[in-house]
Amino acid sequence: MNDQAGTAIRTLDCCLDQNAEVNYLRAVCYARQGDKTNCLKNLKASIDDNYDYKKKAAVDTEFKEYWDDEEFKLIIKLW
């Protein structure tokens, strides 16, 4: 993304296949921009599509700002 999260988001928005990977990458972009609402929205969409992203997000330092956030914890809670 080379410090161009906004450009990356616009590129991801143009992907024809809006799958779990695209949503996860978009969540990372929003996390880098400090946009909690869109970050968590896309992270949840990613996890809804592919449960494995729960485990990844739980340790991904891209989301370290949100590790103590209750909403983030609910999204990545491992059952």
PDB file of N, CA and C in Angstrom:
ATOM      1  N   MET A   1       0.821  -1.192   0.000  1.00  0.00           N
ATOM      2  CA  MET A   1       0.000   0.000   0.000  1.00  0.00           C
ATOM      3  C   MET A   1       0.867   1.259   0.000  1.00  0.00           C
ATOM      4  N   ASN A   2       2.089   1.121   0.431  1.00  0.00           N
ATOM      5  CA  ASN A   2       3.049   2.224   0.348  1.00  0.00           C
ATOM      6  C   ASN A   2       2.511   3.559   0.844  1.00  0.00           C
ATOM      7  N   ASP A   3       1.896   3.565   2.020  1.00  0.00           N
ATOM      8  CA  ASP A   3       1.372   4.797   2.621  1.00  0.00           C
ATOM      9  C   ASP A   3       0.312   5.482   1.767  1.00  0.00           C
ATOM     10  N   GLN A   4      -0.363   4.722   0.935  1.00  0.00           N
ATOM     11  CA  GLN A   4      -1.422   5.278   0.105  1.00  0.00           C
ATOM     12  C   GLN A   4      -2.691   4.454   0.302  1.00  0.00           C
ATOM     13  N   ALA A   5      -3.140   4.409   1.539  1.00  0.00           N
ATOM     14  CA  ALA A   5      -4.302   3.589   1.887  1.00  0.00           C
ATOM     15  C   ALA A   5      -5.546   4.022   1.122  1.00  0.00           C
ATOM     16  N   GLY A   6      -5.725   5.310   0.913  1.00  0.00           N
ATOM     17  CA  GLY A   6      -6.900   5.797   0.176  1.00  0.00           C
ATOM     18  C   GLY A   6      -6.937   5.265  -1.246  1.00  0.00           C
ATOM     19  N   THR A   7      -5.798   5.276  -1.903  1.00  0.00           N
ATOM     20  CA  THR A   7      -5.713   4.746  -3.266  1.00  0.00           C
ATOM     21  C   THR A   7      -5.969   3.244  -3.258  1.00  0.00           C
ATOM     22  N   ALA A   8      -5.431   2.553  -2.261  1.00  0.00           N
ATOM     23  CA  ALA A   8      -5.638   1.112  -2.161  1.00  0.00           C
ATOM     24  C   ALA A   8      -7.122   0.798  -1.953  1.00  0.00           C
ATOM     25  N   ILE A   9      -7.795   1.582  -1.132  1.00  0.00           N
ATOM     26  CA  ILE A   9      -9.233   1.370  -0.897  1.00  0.00           C
ATOM     27  C   ILE A   9     -10.012   1.534  -2.201  1.00  0.00           C
ATOM     28  N   ARG A  10      -9.708   2.579  -2.948  1.00  0.00           N
ATOM     29  CA  ARG A  10     -10.410   2.789  -4.222  1.00  0.00           C
ATOM     30  C   ARG A  10     -10.153   1.630  -5.188  1.00  0.00           C
ATOM     31  N   THR A  11      -8.946   1.106  -5.199  1.00  0.00           N
ATOM     32  CA  THR A  11      -8.633  -0.037  -6.050  1.00  0.00           C
ATOM     33  C   THR A  11      -9.404  -1.265  -5.604  1.00  0.00           C
ATOM     34  N   LEU A  12      -9.441  -1.509  -4.299  1.00  0.00           N
ATOM     35  CA  LEU A  12     -10.178  -2.658  -3.772  1.00  0.00           C
ATOM     36  C   LEU A  12     -11.675  -2.525  -4.047  1.00  0.00           C
ATOM     37  N   ASP A  13     -12.191  -1.310  -4.009  1.00  0.00           N
ATOM     38  CA  ASP A  13     -13.607  -1.087  -4.307  1.00  0.00           C
ATOM     39  C   ASP A  13     -13.955  -1.473  -5.743  1.00  0.00           C
ATOM     40  N   CYS A  14     -12.973  -1.465  -6.615  1.00  0.00           N
ATOM     41  CA  CYS A  14     -13.200  -1.777  -8.028  1.00  0.00           C
ATOM     42  C   CYS A  14     -13.105  -3.271  -8.340  1.00  0.00           C
ATOM     43  N   CYS A  15     -12.682  -4.061  -7.378  1.00  0.00           N
ATOM     44  CA  CYS A  15     -12.566  -5.503  -7.605  1.00  0.00           C
ATOM     45  C   CYS A  15     -13.943  -6.098  -7.877  1.00  0.00           C
ATOM     46  N   LEU A  16     -14.015  -6.907  -8.893  1.00  0.00           N
ATOM     47  CA  LEU A  16     -15.286  -7.538  -9.230  1.00  0.00           C
ATOM     48  C   LEU A  16     -15.688  -8.563  -8.189  1.00  0.00           C
ATOM     49  N   ASP A  17     -14.724  -9.280  -7.639  1.00  0.00           N
ATOM     50  CA  ASP A  17     -15.002 -10.298  -6.637  1.00  0.00           C
ATOM     51  C   ASP A  17     -14.739  -9.722  -5.253  1.00  0.00           C
ATOM     52  N   GLN A  18     -15.779  -9.257  -4.596  1.00  0.00           N
ATOM     53  CA  GLN A  18     -15.670  -8.676  -3.258  1.00  0.00           C
ATOM     54  C   GLN A  18     -15.685  -9.813  -2.235  1.00  0.00           C
ATOM     55  N   ASN A  19     -14.565 -10.501  -2.109  1.00  0.00           N
ATOM     56  CA  ASN A  19     -14.478 -11.666  -1.244  1.00  0.00           C
ATOM     57  C   ASN A  19     -13.842 -11.322   0.102  1.00  0.00           C
ATOM     58  N   ALA A  20     -13.598 -12.337   0.908  1.00  0.00           N
ATOM     59  CA  ALA A  20     -13.050 -12.149   2.249  1.00  0.00           C
ATOM     60  C   ALA A  20     -11.681 -11.467   2.213  1.00  0.00           C
ATOM     61  N   GLU A  21     -10.852 -11.841   1.280  1.00  0.00           N
ATOM     62  CA  GLU A  21      -9.515 -11.254   1.191  1.00  0.00           C
ATOM     63  C   GLU A  21      -9.582  -9.759   0.878  1.00  0.00           C
ATOM     64  N   VAL A  22     -10.432  -9.386  -0.047  1.00  0.00           N
ATOM     65  CA  VAL A  22     -10.594  -7.976  -0.408  1.00  0.00           C
ATOM     66  C   VAL A  22     -11.106  -7.193   0.794  1.00  0.00           C
ATOM     67  N   ASN A  23     -12.080  -7.725   1.488  1.00  0.00           N
ATOM     68  CA  ASN A  23     -12.610  -7.038   2.670  1.00  0.00           C
ATOM     69  C   ASN A  23     -11.563  -6.924   3.772  1.00  0.00           C
ATOM     70  N   TYR A  24     -10.748  -7.949   3.939  1.00  0.00           N
ATOM     71  CA  TYR A  24      -9.701  -7.914   4.958  1.00  0.00           C
ATOM     72  C   TYR A  24      -8.677  -6.832   4.617  1.00  0.00           C
ATOM     73  N   LEU A  25      -8.248  -6.802   3.367  1.00  0.00           N
ATOM     74  CA  LEU A  25      -7.285  -5.781   2.954  1.00  0.00           C
ATOM     75  C   LEU A  25      -7.861  -4.374   3.099  1.00  0.00           C
ATOM     76  N   ARG A  26      -9.141  -4.224   2.792  1.00  0.00           N
ATOM     77  CA  ARG A  26      -9.791  -2.933   2.962  1.00  0.00           C
ATOM     78  C   ARG A  26      -9.833  -2.553   4.448  1.00  0.00           C
ATOM     79  N   ALA A  27     -10.078  -3.528   5.316  1.00  0.00           N
ATOM     80  CA  ALA A  27     -10.064  -3.281   6.759  1.00  0.00           C
ATOM     81  C   ALA A  27      -8.688  -2.804   7.214  1.00  0.00           C
ATOM     82  N   VAL A  28      -7.639  -3.412   6.680  1.00  0.00           N
ATOM     83  CA  VAL A  28      -6.272  -2.983   7.004  1.00  0.00           C
ATOM     84  C   VAL A  28      -6.063  -1.538   6.566  1.00  0.00           C
ATOM     85  N   CYS A  29      -6.513  -1.205   5.376  1.00  0.00           N
ATOM     86  CA  CYS A  29      -6.374   0.175   4.872  1.00  0.00           C
ATOM     87  C   CYS A  29      -7.068   1.166   5.795  1.00  0.00           C
ATOM     88  N   TYR A  30      -8.289   0.848   6.175  1.00  0.00           N
ATOM     89  CA  TYR A  30      -9.022   1.745   7.062  1.00  0.00           C
ATOM     90  C   TYR A  30      -8.359   1.838   8.436  1.00  0.00           C
ATOM     91  N   ALA A  31      -7.796   0.723   8.910  1.00  0.00           N
ATOM     92  CA  ALA A  31      -7.071   0.755  10.182  1.00  0.00           C
ATOM     93  C   ALA A  31      -5.887   1.714  10.080  1.00  0.00           C
ATOM     94  N   ARG A  32      -5.187   1.679   8.974  1.00  0.00           N
ATOM     95  CA  ARG A  32      -4.049   2.576   8.772  1.00  0.00           C
ATOM     96  C   ARG A  32      -4.480   4.039   8.731  1.00  0.00           C
ATOM     97  N   GLN A  33      -5.707   4.281   8.286  1.00  0.00           N
ATOM     98  CA  GLN A  33      -6.230   5.646   8.241  1.00  0.00           C
ATOM     99  C   GLN A  33      -6.859   6.066   9.576  1.00  0.00           C
ATOM    100  N   GLY A  34      -6.997   5.128  10.489  1.00  0.00           N
ATOM    101  CA  GLY A  34      -7.621   5.426  11.778  1.00  0.00           C
ATOM    102  C   GLY A  34      -9.132   5.491  11.717  1.00  0.00           C
ATOM    103  N   ASP A  35      -9.730   4.886  10.691  1.00  0.00           N
ATOM    104  CA  ASP A  35     -11.181   4.879  10.508  1.00  0.00           C
ATOM    105  C   ASP A  35     -11.754   3.597  11.112  1.00  0.00           C
ATOM    106  N   LYS A  36     -12.054   3.643  12.393  1.00  0.00           N
ATOM    107  CA  LYS A  36     -12.512   2.463  13.127  1.00  0.00           C
ATOM    108  C   LYS A  36     -13.798   1.882  12.553  1.00  0.00           C
ATOM    109  N   THR A  37     -14.769   2.732  12.261  1.00  0.00           N
ATOM    110  CA  THR A  37     -16.073   2.258  11.784  1.00  0.00           C
ATOM    111  C   THR A  37     -15.931   1.413  10.524  1.00  0.00           C
ATOM    112  N   ASN A  38     -15.262   1.940   9.512  1.00  0.00           N
ATOM    113  CA  ASN A  38     -15.110   1.197   8.259  1.00  0.00           C
ATOM    114  C   ASN A  38     -14.150   0.024   8.400  1.00  0.00           C
ATOM    115  N   CYS A  39     -13.157   0.169   9.248  1.00  0.00           N
ATOM    116  CA  CYS A  39     -12.235  -0.934   9.501  1.00  0.00           C
ATOM    117  C   CYS A  39     -12.994  -2.139  10.041  1.00  0.00           C
ATOM    118  N   LEU A  40     -13.751  -1.924  11.095  1.00  0.00           N
ATOM    119  CA  LEU A  40     -14.465  -3.031  11.721  1.00  0.00           C
ATOM    120  C   LEU A  40     -15.587  -3.573  10.841  1.00  0.00           C
ATOM    121  N   LYS A  41     -16.222  -2.705  10.078  1.00  0.00           N
ATOM    122  CA  LYS A  41     -17.267  -3.147   9.148  1.00  0.00           C
ATOM    123  C   LYS A  41     -16.692  -4.119   8.113  1.00  0.00           C
ATOM    124  N   ASN A  42     -15.543  -3.759   7.547  1.00  0.00           N
ATOM    125  CA  ASN A  42     -14.918  -4.623   6.544  1.00  0.00           C
ATOM    126  C   ASN A  42     -14.305  -5.868   7.158  1.00  0.00           C
ATOM    127  N   LEU A  43     -13.777  -5.742   8.365  1.00  0.00           N
ATOM    128  CA  LEU A  43     -13.228  -6.912   9.044  1.00  0.00           C
ATOM    129  C   LEU A  43     -14.341  -7.920   9.321  1.00  0.00           C
ATOM    130  N   LYS A  44     -15.484  -7.441   9.791  1.00  0.00           N
ATOM    131  CA  LYS A  44     -16.622  -8.326  10.047  1.00  0.00           C
ATOM    132  C   LYS A  44     -17.092  -9.000   8.755  1.00  0.00           C
ATOM    133  N   ALA A  45     -17.155  -8.248   7.665  1.00  0.00           N
ATOM    134  CA  ALA A  45     -17.562  -8.825   6.378  1.00  0.00           C
ATOM    135  C   ALA A  45     -16.581  -9.905   5.936  1.00  0.00           C
ATOM    136  N   SER A  46     -15.309  -9.660   6.166  1.00  0.00           N
ATOM    137  CA  SER A  46     -14.283 -10.628   5.811  1.00  0.00           C
ATOM    138  C   SER A  46     -14.456 -11.917   6.607  1.00  0.00           C
ATOM    139  N   ILE A  47     -14.653 -11.768   7.898  1.00  0.00           N
ATOM    140  CA  ILE A  47     -14.802 -12.934   8.774  1.00  0.00           C
ATOM    141  C   ILE A  47     -16.106 -13.671   8.481  1.00  0.00           C
ATOM    142  N   ASP A  48     -17.163 -12.940   8.169  1.00  0.00           N
ATOM    143  CA  ASP A  48     -18.434 -13.581   7.812  1.00  0.00           C
ATOM    144  C   ASP A  48     -18.267 -14.467   6.586  1.00  0.00           C
ATOM    145  N   ASP A  49     -17.370 -14.073   5.689  1.00  0.00           N
ATOM    146  CA  ASP A  49     -17.132 -14.818   4.451  1.00  0.00           C
ATOM    147  C   ASP A  49     -16.123 -15.953   4.644  1.00  0.00           C
ATOM    148  N   ASN A  50     -15.174 -15.756   5.570  1.00  0.00           N
ATOM    149  CA  ASN A  50     -14.136 -16.762   5.796  1.00  0.00           C
ATOM    150  C   ASN A  50     -13.695 -16.703   7.257  1.00  0.00           C
ATOM    151  N   TYR A  51     -14.118 -17.681   8.024  1.00  0.00           N
ATOM    152  CA  TYR A  51     -13.871 -17.723   9.465  1.00  0.00           C
ATOM    153  C   TYR A  51     -12.378 -17.635   9.822  1.00  0.00           C
ATOM    154  N   ASP A  52     -11.499 -18.106   8.940  1.00  0.00           N
ATOM    155  CA  ASP A  52     -10.059 -18.110   9.220  1.00  0.00           C
ATOM    156  C   ASP A  52      -9.498 -16.712   9.473  1.00  0.00           C
ATOM    157  N   TYR A  53     -10.171 -15.697   8.974  1.00  0.00           N
ATOM    158  CA  TYR A  53      -9.677 -14.337   9.185  1.00  0.00           C
ATOM    159  C   TYR A  53      -9.827 -13.891  10.640  1.00  0.00           C
ATOM    160  N   LYS A  54     -10.617 -14.584  11.442  1.00  0.00           N
ATOM    161  CA  LYS A  54     -10.700 -14.282  12.875  1.00  0.00           C
ATOM    162  C   LYS A  54      -9.350 -14.487  13.526  1.00  0.00           C
ATOM    163  N   LYS A  55      -8.747 -15.643  13.252  1.00  0.00           N
ATOM    164  CA  LYS A  55      -7.451 -15.976  13.838  1.00  0.00           C
ATOM    165  C   LYS A  55      -6.378 -15.009  13.363  1.00  0.00           C
ATOM    166  N   LYS A  56      -6.420 -14.665  12.099  1.00  0.00           N
ATOM    167  CA  LYS A  56      -5.420 -13.760  11.540  1.00  0.00           C
ATOM    168  C   LYS A  56      -5.541 -12.362  12.162  1.00  0.00           C
ATOM    169  N   ALA A  57      -6.763 -11.857  12.235  1.00  0.00           N
ATOM    170  CA  ALA A  57      -6.983 -10.504  12.768  1.00  0.00           C
ATOM    171  C   ALA A  57      -6.597 -10.408  14.234  1.00  0.00           C
ATOM    172  N   ALA A  58      -6.769 -11.497  14.973  1.00  0.00           N
ATOM    173  CA  ALA A  58      -6.485 -11.486  16.412  1.00  0.00           C
ATOM    174  C   ALA A  58      -5.022 -11.194  16.714  1.00  0.00           C
ATOM    175  N   VAL A  59      -4.134 -11.498  15.764  1.00  0.00           N
ATOM    176  CA  VAL A  59      -2.696 -11.288  15.987  1.00  0.00           C
ATOM    177  C   VAL A  59      -2.065 -10.316  14.994  1.00  0.00           C
ATOM    178  N   ASP A  60      -2.846  -9.827  14.068  1.00  0.00           N
ATOM    179  CA  ASP A  60      -2.331  -8.917  13.036  1.00  0.00           C
ATOM    180  C   ASP A  60      -2.050  -7.543  13.650  1.00  0.00           C
ATOM    181  N   THR A  61      -0.804  -7.110  13.607  1.00  0.00           N
ATOM    182  CA  THR A  61      -0.427  -5.828  14.212  1.00  0.00           C
ATOM    183  C   THR A  61      -1.058  -4.638  13.500  1.00  0.00           C
ATOM    184  N   GLU A  62      -1.619  -4.844  12.346  1.00  0.00           N
ATOM    185  CA  GLU A  62      -2.336  -3.765  11.665  1.00  0.00           C
ATOM    186  C   GLU A  62      -3.518  -3.301  12.512  1.00  0.00           C
ATOM    187  N   PHE A  63      -4.027  -4.203  13.350  1.00  0.00           N
ATOM    188  CA  PHE A  63      -5.195  -3.893  14.174  1.00  0.00           C
ATOM    189  C   PHE A  63      -4.849  -3.664  15.640  1.00  0.00           C
ATOM    190  N   LYS A  64      -3.574  -3.499  15.955  1.00  0.00           N
ATOM    191  CA  LYS A  64      -3.160  -3.377  17.358  1.00  0.00           C
ATOM    192  C   LYS A  64      -3.833  -2.204  18.065  1.00  0.00           C
ATOM    193  N   GLU A  65      -4.182  -1.172  17.328  1.00  0.00           N
ATOM    194  CA  GLU A  65      -4.882  -0.023  17.913  1.00  0.00           C
ATOM    195  C   GLU A  65      -6.249  -0.415  18.456  1.00  0.00           C
ATOM    196  N   TYR A  66      -6.807  -1.494  17.923  1.00  0.00           N
ATOM    197  CA  TYR A  66      -8.155  -1.922  18.286  1.00  0.00           C
ATOM    198  C   TYR A  66      -8.183  -3.154  19.191  1.00  0.00           C
ATOM    199  N   TRP A  67      -7.043  -3.725  19.527  1.00  0.00           N
ATOM    200  CA  TRP A  67      -7.007  -4.957  20.319  1.00  0.00           C
ATOM    201  C   TRP A  67      -7.769  -4.841  21.634  1.00  0.00           C
ATOM    202  N   ASP A  68      -7.782  -3.663  22.242  1.00  0.00           N
ATOM    203  CA  ASP A  68      -8.500  -3.480  23.511  1.00  0.00           C
ATOM    204  C   ASP A  68      -9.924  -2.957  23.315  1.00  0.00           C
ATOM    205  N   ASP A  69     -10.328  -2.739  22.098  1.00  0.00           N
ATOM    206  CA  ASP A  69     -11.649  -2.220  21.776  1.00  0.00           C
ATOM    207  C   ASP A  69     -12.693  -3.342  21.904  1.00  0.00           C
ATOM    208  N   GLU A  70     -13.768  -3.071  22.624  1.00  0.00           N
ATOM    209  CA  GLU A  70     -14.801  -4.090  22.862  1.00  0.00           C
ATOM    210  C   GLU A  70     -15.453  -4.579  21.573  1.00  0.00           C
ATOM    211  N   GLU A  71     -15.709  -3.673  20.652  1.00  0.00           N
ATOM    212  CA  GLU A  71     -16.341  -4.077  19.379  1.00  0.00           C
ATOM    213  C   GLU A  71     -15.408  -4.997  18.587  1.00  0.00           C
ATOM    214  N   PHE A  72     -14.124  -4.656  18.547  1.00  0.00           N
ATOM    215  CA  PHE A  72     -13.133  -5.503  17.869  1.00  0.00           C
ATOM    216  C   PHE A  72     -13.102  -6.882  18.522  1.00  0.00           C
ATOM    217  N   LYS A  73     -13.086  -6.904  19.852  1.00  0.00           N
ATOM    218  CA  LYS A  73     -13.044  -8.178  20.565  1.00  0.00           C
ATOM    219  C   LYS A  73     -14.250  -9.054  20.234  1.00  0.00           C
ATOM    220  N   LEU A  74     -15.415  -8.439  20.122  1.00  0.00           N
ATOM    221  CA  LEU A  74     -16.609  -9.195  19.766  1.00  0.00           C
ATOM    222  C   LEU A  74     -16.507  -9.787  18.357  1.00  0.00           C
ATOM    223  N   ILE A  75     -15.948  -9.030  17.445  1.00  0.00           N
ATOM    224  CA  ILE A  75     -15.826  -9.484  16.067  1.00  0.00           C
ATOM    225  C   ILE A  75     -14.863 -10.668  15.948  1.00  0.00           C
ATOM    226  N   ILE A  76     -13.743 -10.602  16.669  1.00  0.00           N
ATOM    227  CA  ILE A  76     -12.730 -11.646  16.513  1.00  0.00           C
ATOM    228  C   ILE A  76     -12.792 -12.732  17.573  1.00  0.00           C
ATOM    229  N   LYS A  77     -13.791 -12.666  18.427  1.00  0.00           N
ATOM    230  CA  LYS A  77     -13.899 -13.663  19.489  1.00  0.00           C
ATOM    231  C   LYS A  77     -13.894 -15.061  18.877  1.00  0.00           C
ATOM    232  N   LEU A  78     -12.953 -15.867  19.362  1.00  0.00           N
ATOM    233  CA  LEU A  78     -12.824 -17.234  18.843  1.00  0.00           C
ATOM    234  C   LEU A  78     -13.668 -18.162  19.702  1.00  0.00           C
ATOM    235  N   TRP A  79     -14.570 -18.883  19.076  1.00  0.00           N
ATOM    236  CA  TRP A  79     -15.490 -19.762  19.818  1.00  0.00           C
ATOM    237  C   TRP A  79     -14.844 -21.083  20.082  1.00  0.00           C
TER     238      TRP A  79
END
